[in-house]
Amino acid sequence: MIDVLYFAWVRERIGHPKDQVETGAATVMDLIEELRAKEDRYEAAFADLSALRVAVDQELTDFDASLTHAKEVAFFPPMTGG
């Protein structure tokens, strides 16, 4: 079981802040493909990956990152300075 967290507009498109997912995904991209297949709102949230960042167990990473032993994956838009 893995916790999947959604922030900002990702959360708004999906409709809730968190899912607990039973997954066999080896990488973040595999997890995204599983989520996209769930419902249209997930497909919409993950339609443009260039507009997303990901963290695995609170460490910023890439979509090809391994999920072996991961407990949490978070998706959020790029952060801007100010």
C-alpha atoms as a PDB file:
ATOM      1  CA  MET A   1       0.000   0.000   0.000  1.00  0.00           C
ATOM      2  CA  ILE A   2       1.307   3.415  -0.950  1.00  0.00           C
ATOM      3  CA  ASP A   3      -0.005   6.886  -0.069  1.00  0.00           C
ATOM      4  CA  VAL A   4      -0.447   9.142  -3.090  1.00  0.00           C
ATOM      5  CA  LEU A   5      -0.758  12.843  -2.240  1.00  0.00           C
ATOM      6  CA  TYR A   6      -2.065  15.580  -4.540  1.00  0.00           C
ATOM      7  CA  PHE A   7      -1.395  19.302  -4.135  1.00  0.00           C
ATOM      8  CA  ALA A   8      -2.709  22.551  -5.646  1.00  0.00           C
ATOM      9  CA  TRP A   9      -4.517  22.169  -9.004  1.00  0.00           C
ATOM     10  CA  VAL A  10      -3.732  18.435  -9.092  1.00  0.00           C
ATOM     11  CA  ARG A  11      -5.856  17.996  -5.957  1.00  0.00           C
ATOM     12  CA  GLU A  12      -8.579  20.211  -7.457  1.00  0.00           C
ATOM     13  CA  ARG A  13      -8.805  18.125 -10.647  1.00  0.00           C
ATOM     14  CA  ILE A  14      -8.864  14.809  -8.793  1.00  0.00           C
ATOM     15  CA  GLY A  15     -11.238  16.051  -6.107  1.00  0.00           C
ATOM     16  CA  HIS A  16      -9.441  14.917  -2.982  1.00  0.00           C
ATOM     17  CA  PRO A  17      -5.988  15.304  -1.389  1.00  0.00           C
ATOM     18  CA  LYS A  18      -4.918  11.684  -0.984  1.00  0.00           C
ATOM     19  CA  ASP A  19      -5.374   8.107  -2.168  1.00  0.00           C
ATOM     20  CA  GLN A  20      -4.128   4.875  -0.656  1.00  0.00           C
ATOM     21  CA  VAL A  21      -3.214   2.666  -3.581  1.00  0.00           C
ATOM     22  CA  GLU A  22      -2.461  -1.024  -3.766  1.00  0.00           C
ATOM     23  CA  THR A  23      -0.027  -1.083  -6.664  1.00  0.00           C
ATOM     24  CA  GLY A  24       2.494  -3.263  -8.416  1.00  0.00           C
ATOM     25  CA  ALA A  25       4.023  -0.217 -10.130  1.00  0.00           C
ATOM     26  CA  ALA A  26       7.803  -0.374 -10.399  1.00  0.00           C
ATOM     27  CA  THR A  27       8.255   3.328 -11.200  1.00  0.00           C
ATOM     28  CA  VAL A  28       6.424   6.599 -10.744  1.00  0.00           C
ATOM     29  CA  MET A  29       5.466   6.504 -14.437  1.00  0.00           C
ATOM     30  CA  ASP A  30       3.924   3.046 -13.969  1.00  0.00           C
ATOM     31  CA  LEU A  31       1.884   4.447 -11.070  1.00  0.00           C
ATOM     32  CA  ILE A  32       0.746   7.383 -13.209  1.00  0.00           C
ATOM     33  CA  GLU A  33      -0.436   4.960 -15.902  1.00  0.00           C
ATOM     34  CA  GLU A  34      -2.421   3.005 -13.290  1.00  0.00           C
ATOM     35  CA  LEU A  35      -3.986   6.201 -11.961  1.00  0.00           C
ATOM     36  CA  ARG A  36      -4.819   7.509 -15.447  1.00  0.00           C
ATOM     37  CA  ALA A  37      -6.741   4.294 -16.111  1.00  0.00           C
ATOM     38  CA  LYS A  38      -8.931   4.746 -13.002  1.00  0.00           C
ATOM     39  CA  GLU A  39     -11.144   7.644 -14.063  1.00  0.00           C
ATOM     40  CA  ASP A  40     -11.282  10.637 -16.393  1.00  0.00           C
ATOM     41  CA  ARG A  41     -10.394  13.065 -13.615  1.00  0.00           C
ATOM     42  CA  TYR A  42      -7.066  11.257 -13.087  1.00  0.00           C
ATOM     43  CA  GLU A  43      -6.447  11.302 -16.838  1.00  0.00           C
ATOM     44  CA  ALA A  44      -7.035  15.075 -16.798  1.00  0.00           C
ATOM     45  CA  ALA A  45      -4.751  15.617 -13.803  1.00  0.00           C
ATOM     46  CA  PHE A  46      -1.895  13.680 -15.408  1.00  0.00           C
ATOM     47  CA  ALA A  47      -2.443  14.829 -19.013  1.00  0.00           C
ATOM     48  CA  ASP A  48       0.559  17.193 -19.102  1.00  0.00           C
ATOM     49  CA  LEU A  49       3.464  15.742 -17.158  1.00  0.00           C
ATOM     50  CA  SER A  50       5.645  18.734 -18.007  1.00  0.00           C
ATOM     51  CA  ALA A  51       3.404  20.695 -15.617  1.00  0.00           C
ATOM     52  CA  LEU A  52       4.005  18.262 -12.746  1.00  0.00           C
ATOM     53  CA  ARG A  53       6.713  17.513 -10.249  1.00  0.00           C
ATOM     54  CA  VAL A  54       6.941  14.396  -8.100  1.00  0.00           C
ATOM     55  CA  ALA A  55       8.447  13.471  -4.764  1.00  0.00           C
ATOM     56  CA  VAL A  56       8.927   9.937  -3.466  1.00  0.00           C
ATOM     57  CA  ASP A  57       9.118   9.700   0.317  1.00  0.00           C
ATOM     58  CA  GLN A  58       9.493  13.499   0.433  1.00  0.00           C
ATOM     59  CA  GLU A  59      12.464  13.638  -1.964  1.00  0.00           C
ATOM     60  CA  LEU A  60      12.084  15.399  -5.302  1.00  0.00           C
ATOM     61  CA  THR A  61      12.685  12.928  -8.108  1.00  0.00           C
ATOM     62  CA  ASP A  62      11.896  12.033 -11.738  1.00  0.00           C
ATOM     63  CA  PHE A  63       9.055  10.027 -13.248  1.00  0.00           C
ATOM     64  CA  ASP A  64      11.385   7.063 -13.831  1.00  0.00           C
ATOM     65  CA  ALA A  65      12.176   6.790 -10.098  1.00  0.00           C
ATOM     66  CA  SER A  66      11.753   3.400  -8.492  1.00  0.00           C
ATOM     67  CA  LEU A  67       8.878   2.786  -6.102  1.00  0.00           C
ATOM     68  CA  THR A  68      10.546  -0.182  -4.430  1.00  0.00           C
ATOM     69  CA  HIS A  69       9.987   0.276  -0.680  1.00  0.00           C
ATOM     70  CA  ALA A  70       8.293   3.666  -1.245  1.00  0.00           C
ATOM     71  CA  LYS A  71       5.626   4.637   1.266  1.00  0.00           C
ATOM     72  CA  GLU A  72       4.519   7.948  -0.246  1.00  0.00           C
ATOM     73  CA  VAL A  73       4.359   9.655  -3.645  1.00  0.00           C
ATOM     74  CA  ALA A  74       3.351  13.308  -3.954  1.00  0.00           C
ATOM     75  CA  PHE A  75       2.348  15.159  -7.130  1.00  0.00           C
ATOM     76  CA  PHE A  76       2.392  18.961  -7.357  1.00  0.00           C
ATOM     77  CA  PRO A  77       2.941  21.769  -9.859  1.00  0.00           C
ATOM     78  CA  PRO A  78       6.382  23.367 -10.221  1.00  0.00           C
ATOM     79  CA  MET A  79       7.101  25.888  -7.522  1.00  0.00           C
ATOM     80  CA  THR A  80       7.786  29.473  -8.366  1.00  0.00           C
ATOM     81  CA  GLY A  81       9.915  31.901  -6.436  1.00  0.00           C
ATOM     82  CA  GLY A  82       8.766  35.232  -5.200  1.00  0.00           C
END
